[in-house]
Amino acid sequence: MGDKRTPVQVRSRKIKATIMEAAHEVMRERGIRAITTNAIAERAGIKVGSIYDYFPNKEAVIAEIYEEKLTQVRSFLEAGSERIERENWRNQLGELLRETWTYQLGIGLDRTIVDASYYYEDLLRIARAHSQLFATNYVRLLKRLGSSWSDDQLFDLGISLYTLVNATWSYWRLTETQRDIAIERQVLLTITLMEPAVGGRL
């Protein structure tokens, strides 16, 4: 019985992934406001009705793409954070942040999907939840590095550190470039903001 269901489940996952990839491609080519279920279906090579077997609407497709990629990036960052040691935390954190940008751009978390959060309320909800989990990761890191700040203070700092990620996206959007200087500024500001917490100063 289980053997019979497995091919169906694999096929369903494959179709769902195809729909999500097609949606992302359409967004890159036409922009977030121009995406339609018809365009997604055409790119995916399926009937429009097939999309509704997996998603209630186009917003749900975009939301799942966004959430999936943020989860991957967060897992990458969290795993890297566990390897940071107090003696060399500045250099190690700087390298991790650069590697995280390389990773997230490599998996397709690009400006197209990030900009979508400005248009769809569900994506803003996902982004807010992501920011809180991102901040929680910094709470754990800073406590491990010996910070004497309270959890609330560390969490608030973590939210500020998350805004630096958004600042990099904003810089690229405004300059219509993808210059590394934005990442280097994020690294510098992240370390600068963390210094008092690691050193115990308020």
Protein backbone atom coordinates (compact mmCIF):
# COMPACT_ATOMS: atom_id res chain seq x y z
CA MET A 1 0.00 0.00 0.00
CA GLY A 2 2.78 2.41 0.96
CA ASP A 3 4.67 1.57 -2.22
CA LYS A 4 1.68 2.62 -4.35
CA ARG A 5 1.33 5.99 -2.63
CA THR A 6 5.00 6.92 -2.85
CA PRO A 7 5.14 7.61 -6.63
CA VAL A 8 2.03 9.79 -6.32
CA GLN A 9 3.58 11.77 -3.45
CA VAL A 10 6.84 12.19 -5.35
CA ARG A 11 4.95 13.34 -8.45
CA SER A 12 2.91 15.80 -6.38
CA ARG A 13 6.05 17.29 -4.83
CA LYS A 14 7.60 17.57 -8.27
CA ILE A 15 4.58 19.35 -9.73
CA LYS A 16 4.41 21.70 -6.75
CA ALA A 17 8.12 22.53 -7.10
CA THR A 18 7.63 23.11 -10.84
CA ILE A 19 4.80 25.56 -10.13
CA MET A 20 6.90 27.46 -7.60
CA GLU A 21 9.92 27.64 -9.92
CA ALA A 22 7.72 28.78 -12.81
CA ALA A 23 6.19 31.51 -10.64
CA HIS A 24 9.64 32.74 -9.62
CA GLU A 25 10.79 32.83 -13.25
CA VAL A 26 7.70 34.81 -14.29
CA MET A 27 8.29 37.27 -11.45
CA ARG A 28 11.90 37.79 -12.53
CA GLU A 29 10.89 38.44 -16.13
CA ARG A 30 7.68 40.45 -15.73
CA GLY A 31 7.79 41.85 -12.22
CA ILE A 32 5.76 41.01 -9.16
CA ARG A 33 2.68 43.02 -10.14
CA ALA A 34 2.38 41.34 -13.53
CA ILE A 35 2.29 37.74 -12.32
CA THR A 36 -0.88 35.72 -12.99
CA THR A 37 -1.90 32.10 -12.56
CA ASN A 38 -2.21 31.86 -16.34
CA ALA A 39 1.39 32.98 -16.76
CA ILE A 40 2.56 30.53 -14.09
CA ALA A 41 0.67 27.65 -15.73
CA GLU A 42 2.02 28.50 -19.16
CA ARG A 43 5.61 28.59 -17.89
CA ALA A 44 5.14 25.37 -15.90
CA GLY A 45 3.55 23.60 -18.86
CA ILE A 46 0.41 22.65 -16.97
CA LYS A 47 -3.28 23.61 -16.98
CA VAL A 48 -4.31 26.56 -14.84
CA GLY A 49 -6.68 24.33 -12.89
CA SER A 50 -3.76 22.16 -11.81
CA ILE A 51 -2.30 25.07 -9.83
CA TYR A 52 -5.41 25.10 -7.65
CA ASP A 53 -4.80 21.48 -6.70
CA TYR A 54 -1.78 22.74 -4.77
CA PHE A 55 -2.37 26.44 -4.05
CA PRO A 56 -5.54 28.51 -3.47
CA ASN A 57 -4.17 31.49 -5.43
CA LYS A 58 -1.01 33.07 -6.85
CA GLU A 59 -0.30 34.82 -3.54
CA ALA A 60 -0.04 31.43 -1.84
CA VAL A 61 2.51 30.29 -4.43
CA ILE A 62 4.65 33.37 -3.86
CA ALA A 63 4.31 33.07 -0.07
CA GLU A 64 5.52 29.47 -0.09
CA ILE A 65 8.52 30.36 -2.26
CA TYR A 66 9.41 33.18 0.13
CA GLU A 67 8.93 31.14 3.30
CA GLU A 68 10.88 28.17 1.96
CA LYS A 69 13.87 30.28 0.97
CA LEU A 70 13.90 32.23 4.25
CA THR A 71 13.85 28.95 6.16
CA GLN A 72 16.84 27.69 4.19
CA VAL A 73 18.78 30.90 4.80
CA ARG A 74 17.95 30.88 8.50
CA SER A 75 19.14 27.28 8.85
CA PHE A 76 22.40 28.20 7.11
CA LEU A 77 22.93 31.20 9.40
CA GLU A 78 22.05 29.29 12.56
CA ALA A 79 24.44 26.44 11.72
CA GLY A 80 27.22 28.93 11.03
CA SER A 81 26.53 30.84 14.24
CA GLU A 82 27.17 27.70 16.28
CA ARG A 83 30.78 27.66 15.05
CA ILE A 84 31.60 31.21 16.13
CA GLU A 85 34.01 31.44 19.08
CA ARG A 86 34.47 34.39 21.41
CA GLU A 87 38.21 34.74 20.75
CA ASN A 88 37.71 35.50 17.06
CA TRP A 89 34.01 36.30 16.82
CA ARG A 90 34.36 39.45 14.72
CA ASN A 91 36.23 37.79 11.83
CA GLN A 92 34.16 34.63 12.03
CA LEU A 93 30.88 36.53 12.05
CA GLY A 94 32.01 38.70 9.14
CA GLU A 95 32.83 35.63 7.08
CA LEU A 96 29.52 34.00 8.01
CA LEU A 97 27.53 37.04 6.88
CA ARG A 98 29.35 37.11 3.54
CA GLU A 99 28.83 33.37 3.10
CA THR A 100 25.16 33.77 3.95
CA TRP A 101 24.70 36.32 1.17
CA THR A 102 26.43 34.00 -1.29
CA TYR A 103 24.21 31.14 -0.14
CA GLN A 104 20.91 33.01 -0.26
CA LEU A 105 21.55 34.50 -3.67
CA GLY A 106 22.61 31.03 -4.83
CA ILE A 107 19.28 29.47 -3.81
CA GLY A 108 17.33 32.21 -5.54
CA LEU A 109 16.42 34.52 -2.67
CA ASP A 110 16.73 37.60 -4.84
CA ARG A 111 15.30 41.10 -5.05
CA THR A 112 12.32 39.86 -7.04
CA ILE A 113 11.01 37.73 -4.21
CA VAL A 114 12.10 40.12 -1.44
CA ASP A 115 10.31 43.01 -3.15
CA ALA A 116 7.13 40.93 -3.23
CA SER A 117 6.80 41.43 0.53
CA TYR A 118 5.89 45.06 -0.21
CA TYR A 119 2.85 43.96 -2.22
CA TYR A 120 1.43 40.95 -0.40
CA GLU A 121 0.31 41.00 3.22
CA ASP A 122 1.01 37.29 3.74
CA LEU A 123 4.64 37.86 2.83
CA LEU A 124 4.92 40.69 5.34
CA ARG A 125 3.64 38.31 8.01
CA ILE A 126 6.27 35.74 6.96
CA ALA A 127 8.99 38.41 6.97
CA ARG A 128 7.99 39.50 10.48
CA ALA A 129 8.13 35.93 11.78
CA HIS A 130 11.50 35.46 10.08
CA SER A 131 12.87 38.64 11.67
CA GLN A 132 11.91 37.35 15.12
CA LEU A 133 13.56 33.97 14.54
CA PHE A 134 16.61 35.77 13.11
CA ALA A 135 16.77 37.92 16.26
CA THR A 136 16.42 34.84 18.47
CA ASN A 137 19.45 33.33 16.75
CA TYR A 138 21.46 36.41 17.70
CA VAL A 139 20.22 36.15 21.28
CA ARG A 140 21.66 32.63 21.46
CA LEU A 141 24.91 33.68 19.81
CA LEU A 142 25.44 36.70 22.05
CA LYS A 143 24.71 34.72 25.22
CA ARG A 144 27.17 32.08 24.08
CA LEU A 145 29.74 34.84 23.54
CA GLY A 146 29.25 35.83 27.19
CA SER A 147 26.89 38.80 26.96
CA SER A 148 25.41 39.92 30.27
CA TRP A 149 22.50 41.75 28.62
CA SER A 150 18.95 40.58 29.32
CA ASP A 151 17.09 38.47 26.77
CA ASP A 152 14.82 41.43 25.96
CA GLN A 153 17.78 43.70 25.29
CA LEU A 154 19.48 41.08 23.13
CA PHE A 155 16.28 40.40 21.18
CA ASP A 156 15.81 44.11 20.52
CA LEU A 157 19.39 44.26 19.28
CA GLY A 158 18.73 41.22 17.08
CA ILE A 159 15.81 43.02 15.42
CA SER A 160 18.10 45.98 14.72
CA LEU A 161 20.65 43.62 13.19
CA TYR A 162 17.90 42.24 10.95
CA THR A 163 17.15 45.74 9.64
CA LEU A 164 20.73 45.85 8.33
CA VAL A 165 19.90 42.91 6.05
CA ASN A 166 16.96 44.89 4.67
CA ALA A 167 19.21 47.92 4.28
CA THR A 168 21.42 45.89 1.92
CA TRP A 169 18.41 44.93 -0.20
CA SER A 170 17.26 48.58 -0.19
CA TYR A 171 20.68 49.83 -1.26
CA TRP A 172 20.71 47.42 -4.20
CA ARG A 173 17.16 48.43 -5.12
CA LEU A 174 17.90 52.15 -5.02
CA THR A 175 21.21 51.94 -6.86
CA GLU A 176 20.01 49.21 -9.27
CA THR A 177 23.25 47.36 -8.56
CA GLN A 178 24.38 44.43 -6.47
CA ARG A 179 27.62 45.92 -5.18
CA ASP A 180 29.50 44.05 -2.45
CA ILE A 181 30.05 47.33 -0.59
CA ALA A 182 26.52 47.03 0.79
CA ILE A 183 27.37 43.66 2.34
CA GLU A 184 30.63 45.01 3.77
CA ARG A 185 28.73 47.88 5.38
CA GLN A 186 26.28 45.41 6.87
CA VAL A 187 29.19 43.40 8.28
CA LEU A 188 30.81 46.50 9.78
CA LEU A 189 27.58 47.80 11.31
CA THR A 190 26.60 44.38 12.66
CA ILE A 191 29.92 44.00 14.47
CA THR A 192 29.79 47.61 15.71
CA LEU A 193 26.30 47.13 17.17
CA MET A 194 27.26 43.82 18.78
CA GLU A 195 30.44 45.13 20.42
CA PRO A 196 28.74 46.66 23.51
CA ALA A 197 26.63 43.54 24.06
CA VAL A 198 29.62 41.22 23.90
CA GLY A 199 31.68 43.59 26.04
CA GLY A 200 28.88 44.00 28.57
CA ARG A 201 28.31 47.72 28.01
CA LEU A 202 24.75 49.14 27.68
